[in-house]
Protein backbone atom coordinates (compact mmCIF):
# COMPACT_ATOMS: atom_id res chain seq x y z
CA MET A 1 10.21 -12.35 -14.90
CA THR A 2 11.08 -9.37 -17.04
CA LYS A 3 13.94 -7.33 -15.65
CA TYR A 4 12.50 -3.85 -15.24
CA ILE A 5 14.67 -0.77 -15.54
CA ALA A 6 13.53 2.38 -13.78
CA LYS A 7 13.17 5.49 -15.89
CA LYS A 8 14.94 8.67 -14.82
CA PRO A 9 13.03 11.95 -14.58
CA ASP A 10 14.43 14.99 -16.39
CA LYS A 11 15.51 18.19 -14.66
CA ASN A 12 11.86 19.20 -14.32
CA GLY A 13 10.89 15.90 -12.71
CA ILE A 14 9.16 14.61 -15.84
CA ILE A 15 9.45 10.97 -16.93
CA ASP A 16 9.17 10.18 -20.63
CA PHE A 17 6.82 7.23 -20.99
CA THR A 18 6.35 5.63 -24.39
CA GLN A 19 3.04 5.37 -26.22
CA GLU A 20 2.85 1.67 -25.38
CA GLU A 21 3.50 2.38 -21.69
CA ASN A 22 0.78 5.03 -21.66
CA GLU A 23 -1.60 2.57 -23.32
CA THR A 24 -0.75 -0.03 -20.67
CA TRP A 25 -1.66 2.49 -17.98
CA LYS A 26 -4.99 3.10 -19.75
CA ILE A 27 -5.78 -0.63 -19.80
CA LEU A 28 -4.87 -1.03 -16.14
CA ILE A 29 -6.73 1.96 -14.75
CA GLU A 30 -9.89 1.48 -16.77
CA ARG A 31 -10.36 -2.16 -15.86
CA GLN A 32 -9.43 -1.49 -12.22
CA MET A 33 -11.93 1.35 -11.97
CA ARG A 34 -14.61 -1.13 -12.96
CA VAL A 35 -13.58 -3.92 -10.61
CA ILE A 36 -13.22 -1.79 -7.46
CA LYS A 37 -16.83 -0.62 -7.66
CA ASN A 38 -18.64 -1.73 -4.48
CA ARG A 39 -15.41 -3.40 -3.33
CA ALA A 40 -13.10 -0.51 -2.40
CA CYS A 41 -13.83 1.43 0.79
CA ASP A 42 -15.47 4.85 0.48
CA GLU A 43 -12.32 6.65 1.65
CA PHE A 44 -10.36 5.11 -1.21
CA ILE A 45 -12.98 6.12 -3.78
CA ASP A 46 -13.04 9.64 -2.37
CA GLY A 47 -9.27 9.97 -2.65
CA LEU A 48 -9.28 8.48 -6.14
CA ASN A 49 -11.86 11.01 -7.30
CA LYS A 50 -9.86 13.91 -5.85
CA LEU A 51 -6.63 12.73 -7.49
CA ASN A 52 -8.48 12.44 -10.81
CA PHE A 53 -5.78 10.41 -12.55
CA PRO A 54 -5.66 10.78 -16.34
CA HIS A 55 -6.63 7.63 -18.21
CA ASP A 56 -4.71 8.22 -21.43
CA ARG A 57 -1.22 8.47 -19.93
CA VAL A 58 0.86 7.66 -16.88
CA PRO A 59 0.58 10.57 -14.40
CA GLN A 60 3.73 12.41 -13.44
CA CYS A 61 4.98 12.42 -9.84
CA THR A 62 4.93 16.20 -9.86
CA GLU A 63 1.21 16.45 -10.58
CA VAL A 64 0.25 13.68 -8.14
CA SER A 65 2.41 15.27 -5.43
CA LYS A 66 0.70 18.64 -5.89
CA VAL A 67 -2.68 17.16 -4.96
CA LEU A 68 -1.30 15.04 -2.10
CA GLN A 69 0.63 17.91 -0.55
CA ALA A 70 -2.44 20.12 -0.49
CA ALA A 71 -4.44 17.39 1.28
CA THR A 72 -2.07 15.71 3.76
CA GLY A 73 1.44 17.04 3.12
CA TRP A 74 2.59 13.93 1.26
CA SER A 75 4.42 13.66 -2.05
CA VAL A 76 5.47 10.90 -4.44
CA VAL A 77 9.15 10.32 -5.19
CA PRO A 78 10.34 8.35 -8.25
CA VAL A 79 12.78 5.60 -7.27
CA ASP A 80 14.51 2.61 -8.80
CA ALA A 81 12.54 -0.64 -8.81
CA ILE A 82 14.15 -1.91 -5.61
CA ILE A 83 15.49 0.39 -2.90
CA PRO A 84 17.11 -0.47 0.47
CA LEU A 85 14.63 -0.89 3.31
CA LYS A 86 16.27 1.89 5.30
CA GLU A 87 15.69 4.30 2.42
CA PHE A 88 12.08 3.13 2.11
CA PHE A 89 11.45 3.83 5.79
CA ARG A 90 13.26 7.17 5.61
CA LEU A 91 11.05 8.32 2.76
CA LEU A 92 7.87 7.33 4.60
CA ALA A 93 9.07 9.14 7.72
CA ASN A 94 9.38 12.29 5.60
CA ARG A 95 5.91 11.89 4.08
CA GLN A 96 7.35 10.82 0.73
CA PHE A 97 5.93 7.73 -0.90
CA PRO A 98 8.40 5.91 -3.19
CA ALA A 99 7.09 5.03 -6.64
CA ALA A 100 9.09 2.73 -8.91
CA SER A 101 9.38 4.67 -12.15
CA PHE A 102 8.42 1.90 -14.56
CA ILE A 103 5.19 0.29 -15.62
CA ARG A 104 4.67 -3.41 -16.25
CA VAL A 105 4.77 -4.93 -19.73
CA ARG A 106 1.62 -6.40 -21.31
CA ALA A 107 2.81 -9.98 -20.77
CA GLU A 108 2.74 -9.30 -17.01
CA LEU A 109 -0.44 -7.27 -16.91
CA ASP A 110 -1.98 -9.28 -14.08
CA TYR A 111 0.98 -10.09 -11.87
CA LEU A 112 4.54 -8.97 -11.29
CA GLN A 113 6.81 -9.48 -8.30
CA GLU A 114 8.17 -5.94 -8.37
CA PRO A 115 5.69 -3.15 -7.54
CA ASP A 116 5.36 -0.76 -10.47
CA ILE A 117 4.10 2.79 -10.79
CA PHE A 118 0.51 1.64 -11.28
CA HIS A 119 0.57 -0.21 -7.98
CA GLU A 120 2.05 2.78 -6.15
CA TYR A 121 -0.20 5.43 -7.69
CA PHE A 122 -3.49 3.56 -7.88
CA GLY A 123 -3.04 1.29 -4.88
CA HIS A 124 -1.67 3.75 -2.32
CA CYS A 125 -2.06 7.38 -3.31
CA PRO A 126 -5.87 7.59 -2.97
CA LEU A 127 -5.68 6.75 0.74
CA LEU A 128 -2.71 9.04 1.28
CA MET A 129 -5.42 11.68 0.83
CA ASN A 130 -6.95 10.36 4.08
CA GLN A 131 -5.45 11.89 7.23
CA ALA A 132 -5.65 8.77 9.43
CA TYR A 133 -3.99 6.59 6.81
CA ALA A 134 -1.40 9.22 5.87
CA ASP A 135 -0.39 9.86 9.48
CA PHE A 136 -0.13 6.15 10.23
CA VAL A 137 2.19 5.56 7.27
CA GLN A 138 4.46 8.40 8.40
CA TRP A 139 4.49 7.10 11.97
CA TYR A 140 5.35 3.66 10.67
CA GLY A 141 8.37 4.94 8.76
CA GLU A 142 9.65 6.98 11.69
CA THR A 143 9.19 4.13 14.14
CA VAL A 144 10.66 1.30 12.12
CA LEU A 145 13.84 3.30 11.48
CA GLN A 146 14.58 3.14 15.20
CA THR A 147 14.29 -0.63 15.58
CA SER A 148 16.51 -3.66 14.97
CA LYS A 149 16.31 -5.79 11.84
CA GLU A 150 14.53 -8.53 13.78
CA VAL A 151 11.84 -6.11 14.95
CA GLN A 152 11.61 -4.56 11.48
CA THR A 153 10.76 -7.98 10.08
CA LEU A 154 7.84 -8.28 12.47
CA LEU A 155 6.68 -4.73 11.85
CA GLY A 156 6.82 -5.51 8.15
CA ARG A 157 3.89 -7.84 8.81
CA LEU A 158 1.97 -4.94 10.33
CA PHE A 159 2.48 -2.93 7.13
CA TRP A 160 1.66 -5.93 4.94
CA PHE A 161 -1.65 -6.77 6.61
CA THR A 162 -2.83 -3.15 6.81
CA ILE A 163 -1.44 -0.83 4.14
CA GLU A 164 -0.91 -3.55 1.54
CA PHE A 165 -3.58 -6.18 2.21
CA GLY A 166 -6.05 -4.78 4.74
CA LEU A 167 -9.83 -5.20 4.75
CA LEU A 168 -12.37 -2.89 6.35
CA GLN A 169 -15.75 -3.70 7.89
CA THR A 170 -18.33 -1.06 6.89
CA ASN A 171 -22.07 -0.51 7.14
CA ASN A 172 -22.26 -1.73 3.55
CA GLY A 173 -20.30 -4.89 4.23
CA LEU A 174 -16.66 -5.84 3.85
CA ARG A 175 -14.56 -3.44 1.79
CA ILE A 176 -10.90 -3.19 0.75
CA TYR A 177 -8.38 -0.55 1.76
CA GLY A 178 -5.10 -2.42 1.13
CA GLY A 179 -3.20 -1.10 -1.88
CA GLY A 180 -1.78 -4.49 -2.80
CA ILE A 181 -5.32 -5.74 -3.30
CA LEU A 182 -6.79 -2.65 -4.94
CA SER A 183 -4.09 -2.53 -7.62
CA SER A 184 -4.66 -6.21 -8.49
CA PHE A 185 -7.49 -7.14 -10.84
CA GLU A 186 -7.68 -10.73 -9.61
CA GLU A 187 -7.18 -10.15 -5.91
CA THR A 188 -9.77 -7.36 -5.68
CA VAL A 189 -12.45 -9.95 -6.41
CA TYR A 190 -10.75 -12.83 -4.59
CA ALA A 191 -10.22 -10.94 -1.32
CA LEU A 192 -13.94 -10.33 -0.82
CA GLU A 193 -15.70 -13.10 -2.69
CA SER A 194 -13.56 -16.23 -2.67
CA LYS A 195 -14.32 -18.89 -0.05
CA LEU A 196 -10.64 -19.85 0.15
CA PRO A 197 -8.93 -17.16 2.27
CA GLU A 198 -9.49 -16.69 5.99
CA ARG A 199 -10.75 -13.25 7.02
CA ALA A 200 -10.03 -12.60 10.69
CA ALA A 201 -10.67 -9.68 13.02
CA PHE A 202 -7.50 -7.62 13.36
CA ASP A 203 -5.42 -8.65 16.37
CA VAL A 204 -1.98 -7.12 16.75
CA LYS A 205 -0.27 -10.13 18.30
CA THR A 206 -1.70 -12.48 15.67
CA VAL A 207 -0.62 -10.13 12.88
CA LEU A 208 2.94 -9.87 14.20
CA ASN A 209 3.11 -13.66 14.41
CA THR A 210 1.74 -14.24 10.91
CA SER A 211 4.21 -14.65 8.04
CA TYR A 212 3.28 -13.92 4.45
CA ARG A 213 4.32 -14.65 0.87
CA TYR A 214 4.77 -11.78 -1.55
CA ASP A 215 4.87 -14.03 -4.62
CA GLU A 216 1.38 -15.54 -4.43
CA ILE A 217 -2.18 -14.52 -3.74
CA GLN A 218 -2.92 -14.17 -0.04
CA LYS A 219 -4.26 -17.03 2.08
CA GLY A 220 -5.65 -14.73 4.75
CA TYR A 221 -6.62 -11.14 5.55
CA PHE A 222 -7.19 -9.10 8.69
CA VAL A 223 -10.20 -6.81 9.12
CA ILE A 224 -10.35 -3.47 10.95
CA ASN A 225 -13.58 -1.62 11.75
CA ASP A 226 -12.59 1.88 10.68
CA LEU A 227 -9.55 3.63 9.21
CA SER A 228 -9.32 5.55 12.48
CA ASP A 229 -8.27 2.21 14.04
CA LEU A 230 -4.88 2.88 12.44
CA PHE A 231 -4.47 5.79 14.86
CA LYS A 232 -4.67 3.31 17.73
CA LEU A 233 -1.68 1.43 16.33
CA LYS A 234 0.52 4.50 16.77
CA THR A 235 1.81 3.51 20.18
CA ASN A 236 5.04 2.26 21.72
CA MET A 237 3.09 -0.74 22.97
CA ILE A 238 3.23 -2.12 19.44
CA ILE A 239 7.00 -1.76 19.39
CA ASP A 240 7.34 -3.37 22.81
CA LEU A 241 5.19 -6.28 21.69
CA ALA A 242 7.28 -6.74 18.52
CA LYS A 243 10.48 -6.64 20.60
CA SER A 244 9.15 -9.26 22.99
CA ILE A 245 8.16 -11.57 20.14
CA ALA A 246 11.55 -11.07 18.47
CA SER A 247 13.27 -12.01 21.72
CA GLY A 248 11.31 -15.24 21.99
CA THR A 249 8.57 -14.16 24.36
CA GLN A 250 5.04 -13.20 23.38
CA GLY A 251 4.34 -10.13 25.51
CA GLU A 252 0.93 -8.91 26.60
CA ASP A 253 -2.12 -8.70 24.38
CA PHE A 254 -2.87 -5.35 22.81
CA VAL A 255 -6.37 -4.77 21.46
CA ILE A 256 -7.23 -1.86 19.14
CA CYS A 257 -10.88 -2.54 18.40
């Protein structure tokens, strides 16, 4: 893998991207706009339209933050490629979404192990325009900060199978809301149309007991019925269940749908 180096914003918060980097953004956003059609959930498309990302250059955090703040009070903060988990959670708790300030090289157009600015902007920011999603992400950051490392590991699965790789059942069929899928050209198609992965109804206990791999395409997804279901996850019962699993017991079932 290429070793990415985060770019530093100037005193005005502006990052100087090269012509090649801006062209890479153009390739990524234009092909992803095509592939998400009839695959992304309506709430994602609505947020994407309101953000109105430029196609000819990488957007600046300042301009993305202006739109997010007006909608849900969120902002985007440029960070190094990898930040400590505690800092990640702290930012979420303060309604600040971390965005690695680099964009992938052409040789890694389809897959990279480190999330880049395209993943953060395109995958997550559209739904940060949605109140249910935005409030859940803030609650998640606040809550995880108060737990042990063992519990954080389990709650990481909750984040992974919702915010990163969640599916949504709609009147028009299965749709995607997970940013890890929607920023991936291959997985956007695979998640809905491949016969290989399992697609299961969302069950909190099952999710907390399901491990994942970040370095390969997913073998399974969990499906919620509405983004408002994320509100129902904002409860101490989730934390208690995670603590009981971490301690070696399974706790009581908790159903959200």
